[in-house]
């Protein structure tokens, strides 16, 4: 089975997390037929050739990116304009997605980037509380309560046959902390390389955007 087909199967067979803390809901776009079509088209287009890809671990999907399209860090705008995949989703941009696709262009374009890398998340599911995005580590009891679930999910992703000895972690704070903690227990990766999270860059360090693009580019070209 080609790598693209394995990735499509991964998304189509995702298991919902067990019981969540009160007030926390899961973002689940994958039951929508338009999302299924977008996920299939994306992976058939960019992952039909080759085998290994380097993991890039984000945190978890947000309401305006993968929470809409089903594709990590890919909002409806860049899905159509950068990836060339027409879609019926409301064309609202997501800040993290905007940075990622600036970075991808800086790297050499979508085809070159996705021949080498696959972006995923420590949690494949997004979470919301009170109508707002929620990182898996922000809610008391969520990261701890779902630790086994998250770790099983990462182990399942490793079975997809992607390169796994060195990986990139988006977010040098709590996302890195949890991924490194769980990696010590499970021994998945030899090296985890942290990079500043896209939202942090555009929200707080926009004046240093070119510096961060160069930093990403340097790390990506080390693989």
C-alpha atoms as a PDB file:
ATOM      1  CA  UNK A   1       0.000   0.000   0.000  1.00  0.00           C
ATOM      2  CA  UNK A   2       1.393   3.402  -1.009  1.00  0.00           C
ATOM      3  CA  UNK A   3       2.221   5.848   1.747  1.00  0.00           C
ATOM      4  CA  UNK A   4      -0.617   8.158   0.701  1.00  0.00           C
ATOM      5  CA  UNK A   5      -3.137   5.324   1.011  1.00  0.00           C
ATOM      6  CA  UNK A   6      -1.799   4.434   4.453  1.00  0.00           C
ATOM      7  CA  UNK A   7      -2.191   8.037   5.590  1.00  0.00           C
ATOM      8  CA  UNK A   8      -5.731   8.209   4.215  1.00  0.00           C
ATOM      9  CA  UNK A   9      -6.559   4.984   6.050  1.00  0.00           C
ATOM     10  CA  UNK A  10      -5.106   6.435   9.244  1.00  0.00           C
ATOM     11  CA  UNK A  11      -7.447   9.419   9.116  1.00  0.00           C
ATOM     12  CA  UNK A  12     -10.472   7.394   8.073  1.00  0.00           C
ATOM     13  CA  UNK A  13     -10.006   4.999  10.989  1.00  0.00           C
ATOM     14  CA  UNK A  14      -9.162   7.415  13.787  1.00  0.00           C
ATOM     15  CA  UNK A  15     -10.558   6.306  17.129  1.00  0.00           C
ATOM     16  CA  UNK A  16     -12.245   9.006  19.173  1.00  0.00           C
ATOM     17  CA  UNK A  17     -10.692   9.664  22.580  1.00  0.00           C
ATOM     18  CA  UNK A  18     -12.317   8.213  25.669  1.00  0.00           C
ATOM     19  CA  UNK A  19     -14.172  10.272  28.250  1.00  0.00           C
ATOM     20  CA  UNK A  20     -13.083  13.913  28.381  1.00  0.00           C
ATOM     21  CA  UNK A  21     -13.081  16.420  31.239  1.00  0.00           C
ATOM     22  CA  UNK A  22     -16.338  18.298  31.769  1.00  0.00           C
ATOM     23  CA  UNK A  23     -16.907  21.028  29.223  1.00  0.00           C
ATOM     24  CA  UNK A  24     -14.296  19.744  26.740  1.00  0.00           C
ATOM     25  CA  UNK A  25     -15.444  18.696  23.277  1.00  0.00           C
ATOM     26  CA  UNK A  26     -13.623  17.027  20.389  1.00  0.00           C
ATOM     27  CA  UNK A  27     -13.242  18.679  16.987  1.00  0.00           C
ATOM     28  CA  UNK A  28     -14.229  15.904  14.618  1.00  0.00           C
ATOM     29  CA  UNK A  29     -14.373  16.974  10.959  1.00  0.00           C
ATOM     30  CA  UNK A  30     -13.737  13.497   9.560  1.00  0.00           C
ATOM     31  CA  UNK A  31     -17.368  12.442   9.333  1.00  0.00           C
ATOM     32  CA  UNK A  32     -17.994  15.148   6.732  1.00  0.00           C
ATOM     33  CA  UNK A  33     -17.899  13.933   3.127  1.00  0.00           C
ATOM     34  CA  UNK A  34     -16.214  17.138   1.901  1.00  0.00           C
ATOM     35  CA  UNK A  35     -13.453  16.627   4.483  1.00  0.00           C
ATOM     36  CA  UNK A  36     -13.002  12.996   3.475  1.00  0.00           C
ATOM     37  CA  UNK A  37     -12.664  14.090  -0.155  1.00  0.00           C
ATOM     38  CA  UNK A  38     -10.141  16.816   0.733  1.00  0.00           C
ATOM     39  CA  UNK A  39      -8.042  14.431   2.838  1.00  0.00           C
ATOM     40  CA  UNK A  40      -8.027  11.805   0.091  1.00  0.00           C
ATOM     41  CA  UNK A  41      -7.194  14.293  -2.657  1.00  0.00           C
ATOM     42  CA  UNK A  42      -4.415  15.930  -0.629  1.00  0.00           C
ATOM     43  CA  UNK A  43      -2.663  12.672   0.252  1.00  0.00           C
ATOM     44  CA  UNK A  44      -3.091  11.137  -3.191  1.00  0.00           C
ATOM     45  CA  UNK A  45      -1.571  14.255  -4.737  1.00  0.00           C
ATOM     46  CA  UNK A  46       1.388  14.798  -2.421  1.00  0.00           C
ATOM     47  CA  UNK A  47       2.110  11.346  -0.983  1.00  0.00           C
ATOM     48  CA  UNK A  48       1.683   9.029  -3.965  1.00  0.00           C
ATOM     49  CA  UNK A  49       5.421   8.542  -4.419  1.00  0.00           C
ATOM     50  CA  UNK A  50       8.278   7.594  -2.138  1.00  0.00           C
ATOM     51  CA  UNK A  51       8.088   5.977   1.242  1.00  0.00           C
ATOM     52  CA  UNK A  52       9.751   7.822   4.088  1.00  0.00           C
ATOM     53  CA  UNK A  53       8.669  11.203   5.375  1.00  0.00           C
ATOM     54  CA  UNK A  54       9.986  13.086   8.403  1.00  0.00           C
ATOM     55  CA  UNK A  55       7.456  13.623  11.192  1.00  0.00           C
ATOM     56  CA  UNK A  56       6.611  17.183  12.187  1.00  0.00           C
ATOM     57  CA  UNK A  57       4.555  17.103  15.378  1.00  0.00           C
ATOM     58  CA  UNK A  58       2.257  20.005  16.063  1.00  0.00           C
ATOM     59  CA  UNK A  59       0.020  20.220  19.130  1.00  0.00           C
ATOM     60  CA  UNK A  60      -3.517  19.465  17.962  1.00  0.00           C
ATOM     61  CA  UNK A  61      -5.905  20.803  15.293  1.00  0.00           C
ATOM     62  CA  UNK A  62      -7.633  24.158  15.679  1.00  0.00           C
ATOM     63  CA  UNK A  63     -11.109  25.331  14.738  1.00  0.00           C
ATOM     64  CA  UNK A  64     -10.104  27.147  11.545  1.00  0.00           C
ATOM     65  CA  UNK A  65      -7.388  24.860  10.166  1.00  0.00           C
ATOM     66  CA  UNK A  66      -7.458  21.067  10.407  1.00  0.00           C
ATOM     67  CA  UNK A  67     -10.683  21.372  12.377  1.00  0.00           C
ATOM     68  CA  UNK A  68     -12.259  22.413   9.069  1.00  0.00           C
ATOM     69  CA  UNK A  69     -10.209  20.659   6.374  1.00  0.00           C
ATOM     70  CA  UNK A  70      -8.945  17.608   8.269  1.00  0.00           C
ATOM     71  CA  UNK A  71      -5.378  18.399   7.145  1.00  0.00           C
ATOM     72  CA  UNK A  72      -2.927  19.672   9.795  1.00  0.00           C
ATOM     73  CA  UNK A  73      -1.953  23.365   9.524  1.00  0.00           C
ATOM     74  CA  UNK A  74      -3.924  23.649   6.290  1.00  0.00           C
ATOM     75  CA  UNK A  75      -6.886  26.022   6.317  1.00  0.00           C
ATOM     76  CA  UNK A  76      -9.401  26.242   3.437  1.00  0.00           C
ATOM     77  CA  UNK A  77      -7.563  29.227   1.913  1.00  0.00           C
ATOM     78  CA  UNK A  78      -4.149  27.589   1.512  1.00  0.00           C
ATOM     79  CA  UNK A  79      -5.739  24.251   0.652  1.00  0.00           C
ATOM     80  CA  UNK A  80      -7.113  25.927  -2.472  1.00  0.00           C
ATOM     81  CA  UNK A  81      -4.510  28.596  -3.235  1.00  0.00           C
ATOM     82  CA  UNK A  82      -1.265  26.801  -2.272  1.00  0.00           C
ATOM     83  CA  UNK A  83      -2.227  23.143  -2.673  1.00  0.00           C
ATOM     84  CA  UNK A  84      -4.509  23.617  -5.665  1.00  0.00           C
ATOM     85  CA  UNK A  85      -7.394  21.681  -4.111  1.00  0.00           C
ATOM     86  CA  UNK A  86     -10.763  23.345  -4.562  1.00  0.00           C
ATOM     87  CA  UNK A  87     -13.032  22.971  -1.564  1.00  0.00           C
ATOM     88  CA  UNK A  88     -16.444  24.130  -0.353  1.00  0.00           C
ATOM     89  CA  UNK A  89     -15.267  25.270   3.076  1.00  0.00           C
ATOM     90  CA  UNK A  90     -15.677  28.848   4.292  1.00  0.00           C
ATOM     91  CA  UNK A  91     -12.490  30.639   3.229  1.00  0.00           C
ATOM     92  CA  UNK A  92     -11.265  31.850   6.587  1.00  0.00           C
ATOM     93  CA  UNK A  93      -7.506  31.957   7.132  1.00  0.00           C
ATOM     94  CA  UNK A  94      -5.812  30.521  10.211  1.00  0.00           C
ATOM     95  CA  UNK A  95      -2.726  32.263  11.573  1.00  0.00           C
ATOM     96  CA  UNK A  96      -0.703  29.063  12.105  1.00  0.00           C
ATOM     97  CA  UNK A  97      -1.578  27.815   8.639  1.00  0.00           C
ATOM     98  CA  UNK A  98      -0.491  31.133   7.131  1.00  0.00           C
ATOM     99  CA  UNK A  99       2.974  30.773   8.652  1.00  0.00           C
ATOM    100  CA  UNK A 100       3.338  27.121   7.690  1.00  0.00           C
ATOM    101  CA  UNK A 101       2.660  27.850   4.037  1.00  0.00           C
ATOM    102  CA  UNK A 102       5.003  30.843   4.055  1.00  0.00           C
ATOM    103  CA  UNK A 103       7.583  28.463   5.464  1.00  0.00           C
ATOM    104  CA  UNK A 104       6.792  25.833   2.843  1.00  0.00           C
ATOM    105  CA  UNK A 105       7.232  28.393   0.070  1.00  0.00           C
ATOM    106  CA  UNK A 106      10.523  29.482   1.667  1.00  0.00           C
ATOM    107  CA  UNK A 107      11.607  25.825   1.697  1.00  0.00           C
ATOM    108  CA  UNK A 108      10.897  25.293  -1.979  1.00  0.00           C
ATOM    109  CA  UNK A 109       7.164  24.834  -2.450  1.00  0.00           C
ATOM    110  CA  UNK A 110       4.486  22.334  -1.517  1.00  0.00           C
ATOM    111  CA  UNK A 111       5.656  19.507  -3.763  1.00  0.00           C
ATOM    112  CA  UNK A 112       9.230  19.627  -2.484  1.00  0.00           C
ATOM    113  CA  UNK A 113       8.104  19.973   1.119  1.00  0.00           C
ATOM    114  CA  UNK A 114       5.601  17.131   1.172  1.00  0.00           C
ATOM    115  CA  UNK A 115       7.996  14.805  -0.631  1.00  0.00           C
ATOM    116  CA  UNK A 116      10.098  15.029   2.522  1.00  0.00           C
ATOM    117  CA  UNK A 117       7.796  15.827   5.470  1.00  0.00           C
ATOM    118  CA  UNK A 118       4.461  14.882   6.990  1.00  0.00           C
ATOM    119  CA  UNK A 119       2.814  17.217   9.488  1.00  0.00           C
ATOM    120  CA  UNK A 120       0.773  15.606  12.225  1.00  0.00           C
ATOM    121  CA  UNK A 121      -0.054  16.318  15.857  1.00  0.00           C
ATOM    122  CA  UNK A 122       0.679  14.833  19.254  1.00  0.00           C
ATOM    123  CA  UNK A 123      -3.120  14.671  19.284  1.00  0.00           C
ATOM    124  CA  UNK A 124      -4.818  14.061  15.917  1.00  0.00           C
ATOM    125  CA  UNK A 125      -7.985  15.515  17.410  1.00  0.00           C
ATOM    126  CA  UNK A 126      -8.586  19.124  18.280  1.00  0.00           C
ATOM    127  CA  UNK A 127     -10.381  20.210  21.432  1.00  0.00           C
ATOM    128  CA  UNK A 128     -12.648  23.116  22.267  1.00  0.00           C
ATOM    129  CA  UNK A 129     -14.028  24.508  25.489  1.00  0.00           C
ATOM    130  CA  UNK A 130     -16.498  27.382  25.737  1.00  0.00           C
ATOM    131  CA  UNK A 131     -16.248  27.733  21.960  1.00  0.00           C
ATOM    132  CA  UNK A 132     -12.476  28.327  21.989  1.00  0.00           C
ATOM    133  CA  UNK A 133      -9.495  26.253  20.887  1.00  0.00           C
ATOM    134  CA  UNK A 134      -7.951  24.152  23.632  1.00  0.00           C
ATOM    135  CA  UNK A 135      -4.464  22.668  23.561  1.00  0.00           C
ATOM    136  CA  UNK A 136      -4.304  19.112  24.881  1.00  0.00           C
ATOM    137  CA  UNK A 137      -1.960  20.200  27.696  1.00  0.00           C
ATOM    138  CA  UNK A 138      -3.950  23.249  28.831  1.00  0.00           C
ATOM    139  CA  UNK A 139      -6.873  21.536  30.521  1.00  0.00           C
ATOM    140  CA  UNK A 140      -6.287  19.921  33.889  1.00  0.00           C
ATOM    141  CA  UNK A 141      -6.666  16.182  33.487  1.00  0.00           C
ATOM    142  CA  UNK A 142      -6.680  16.148  29.677  1.00  0.00           C
ATOM    143  CA  UNK A 143      -3.020  15.368  28.956  1.00  0.00           C
ATOM    144  CA  UNK A 144      -2.763  13.051  31.973  1.00  0.00           C
ATOM    145  CA  UNK A 145      -6.131  11.429  31.440  1.00  0.00           C
ATOM    146  CA  UNK A 146      -5.465  10.766  27.749  1.00  0.00           C
ATOM    147  CA  UNK A 147      -1.758   9.928  28.054  1.00  0.00           C
ATOM    148  CA  UNK A 148      -2.223   6.275  27.091  1.00  0.00           C
ATOM    149  CA  UNK A 149      -4.497   7.280  24.212  1.00  0.00           C
ATOM    150  CA  UNK A 150      -2.015   9.851  22.859  1.00  0.00           C
ATOM    151  CA  UNK A 151       0.912   7.446  23.176  1.00  0.00           C
ATOM    152  CA  UNK A 152      -0.987   4.666  21.437  1.00  0.00           C
ATOM    153  CA  UNK A 153      -1.784   7.121  18.652  1.00  0.00           C
ATOM    154  CA  UNK A 154       1.863   8.076  18.166  1.00  0.00           C
ATOM    155  CA  UNK A 155       2.824   4.392  18.118  1.00  0.00           C
ATOM    156  CA  UNK A 156       0.157   3.786  15.467  1.00  0.00           C
ATOM    157  CA  UNK A 157       1.566   6.609  13.353  1.00  0.00           C
ATOM    158  CA  UNK A 158       5.013   5.027  13.516  1.00  0.00           C
ATOM    159  CA  UNK A 159       3.538   1.904  11.915  1.00  0.00           C
ATOM    160  CA  UNK A 160       2.724   3.952   8.819  1.00  0.00           C
ATOM    161  CA  UNK A 161       6.319   3.526   7.741  1.00  0.00           C
ATOM    162  CA  UNK A 162       7.543   7.089   7.921  1.00  0.00           C
ATOM    163  CA  UNK A 163      11.084   7.993   8.974  1.00  0.00           C
ATOM    164  CA  UNK A 164      11.142   8.186  12.758  1.00  0.00           C
ATOM    165  CA  UNK A 165      14.683   8.436  14.133  1.00  0.00           C
ATOM    166  CA  UNK A 166      14.659  12.265  14.110  1.00  0.00           C
ATOM    167  CA  UNK A 167      11.500  14.343  14.342  1.00  0.00           C
ATOM    168  CA  UNK A 168      10.526  18.001  14.614  1.00  0.00           C
ATOM    169  CA  UNK A 169       8.337  19.365  17.387  1.00  0.00           C
ATOM    170  CA  UNK A 170       6.415  22.600  16.801  1.00  0.00           C
ATOM    171  CA  UNK A 171       6.346  24.382  20.129  1.00  0.00           C
ATOM    172  CA  UNK A 172       9.375  24.522  22.375  1.00  0.00           C
ATOM    173  CA  UNK A 173       7.342  24.683  25.585  1.00  0.00           C
ATOM    174  CA  UNK A 174       4.753  22.230  26.855  1.00  0.00           C
ATOM    175  CA  UNK A 175       4.373  20.368  23.563  1.00  0.00           C
ATOM    176  CA  UNK A 176       8.099  19.609  23.594  1.00  0.00           C
ATOM    177  CA  UNK A 177       7.949  18.732  27.291  1.00  0.00           C
ATOM    178  CA  UNK A 178       5.211  16.142  26.871  1.00  0.00           C
ATOM    179  CA  UNK A 179       6.615  14.655  23.669  1.00  0.00           C
ATOM    180  CA  UNK A 180      10.058  14.270  25.244  1.00  0.00           C
ATOM    181  CA  UNK A 181       8.580  12.841  28.449  1.00  0.00           C
ATOM    182  CA  UNK A 182       6.581  10.228  26.566  1.00  0.00           C
ATOM    183  CA  UNK A 183       9.512   9.504  24.245  1.00  0.00           C
ATOM    184  CA  UNK A 184      11.680   8.667  27.252  1.00  0.00           C
ATOM    185  CA  UNK A 185       9.101   6.101  28.277  1.00  0.00           C
ATOM    186  CA  UNK A 186       8.543   4.579  24.840  1.00  0.00           C
ATOM    187  CA  UNK A 187      11.833   5.161  22.987  1.00  0.00           C
ATOM    188  CA  UNK A 188      10.224   6.172  19.712  1.00  0.00           C
ATOM    189  CA  UNK A 189      12.791   8.706  18.465  1.00  0.00           C
ATOM    190  CA  UNK A 190      16.515   9.295  18.739  1.00  0.00           C
ATOM    191  CA  UNK A 191      16.181  13.071  18.547  1.00  0.00           C
ATOM    192  CA  UNK A 192      13.374  15.610  18.917  1.00  0.00           C
ATOM    193  CA  UNK A 193      14.173  19.008  17.400  1.00  0.00           C
ATOM    194  CA  UNK A 194      12.008  21.872  18.718  1.00  0.00           C
ATOM    195  CA  UNK A 195      10.989  24.873  16.643  1.00  0.00           C
ATOM    196  CA  UNK A 196       8.936  27.877  17.717  1.00  0.00           C
ATOM    197  CA  UNK A 197       5.224  27.360  17.172  1.00  0.00           C
ATOM    198  CA  UNK A 198       3.747  29.188  14.150  1.00  0.00           C
ATOM    199  CA  UNK A 199       1.071  30.946  16.201  1.00  0.00           C
ATOM    200  CA  UNK A 200       3.671  32.234  18.659  1.00  0.00           C
ATOM    201  CA  UNK A 201       5.785  33.578  15.805  1.00  0.00           C
ATOM    202  CA  UNK A 202       3.014  35.483  14.037  1.00  0.00           C
ATOM    203  CA  UNK A 203       1.271  36.620  17.190  1.00  0.00           C
ATOM    204  CA  UNK A 204       4.274  37.774  19.215  1.00  0.00           C
ATOM    205  CA  UNK A 205       7.384  37.804  16.992  1.00  0.00           C
ATOM    206  CA  UNK A 206       6.111  38.943  13.609  1.00  0.00           C
ATOM    207  CA  UNK A 207       8.924  41.484  13.234  1.00  0.00           C
ATOM    208  CA  UNK A 208      11.377  38.561  13.355  1.00  0.00           C
ATOM    209  CA  UNK A 209       9.430  36.535  10.773  1.00  0.00           C
ATOM    210  CA  UNK A 210      12.319  36.230   8.316  1.00  0.00           C
ATOM    211  CA  UNK A 211      14.610  35.085  11.093  1.00  0.00           C
ATOM    212  CA  UNK A 212      12.195  32.298  12.027  1.00  0.00           C
ATOM    213  CA  UNK A 213      11.720  31.314   8.376  1.00  0.00           C
ATOM    214  CA  UNK A 214      15.486  30.967   8.047  1.00  0.00           C
ATOM    215  CA  UNK A 215      15.635  28.928  11.261  1.00  0.00           C
ATOM    216  CA  UNK A 216      12.948  26.560   9.995  1.00  0.00           C
ATOM    217  CA  UNK A 217      14.668  26.310   6.627  1.00  0.00           C
ATOM    218  CA  UNK A 218      17.992  25.438   8.218  1.00  0.00           C
ATOM    219  CA  UNK A 219      16.454  22.660  10.306  1.00  0.00           C
ATOM    220  CA  UNK A 220      14.379  21.262   7.443  1.00  0.00           C
ATOM    221  CA  UNK A 221      17.379  21.101   5.143  1.00  0.00           C
ATOM    222  CA  UNK A 222      19.313  19.158   7.786  1.00  0.00           C
ATOM    223  CA  UNK A 223      17.193  16.105   6.993  1.00  0.00           C
END
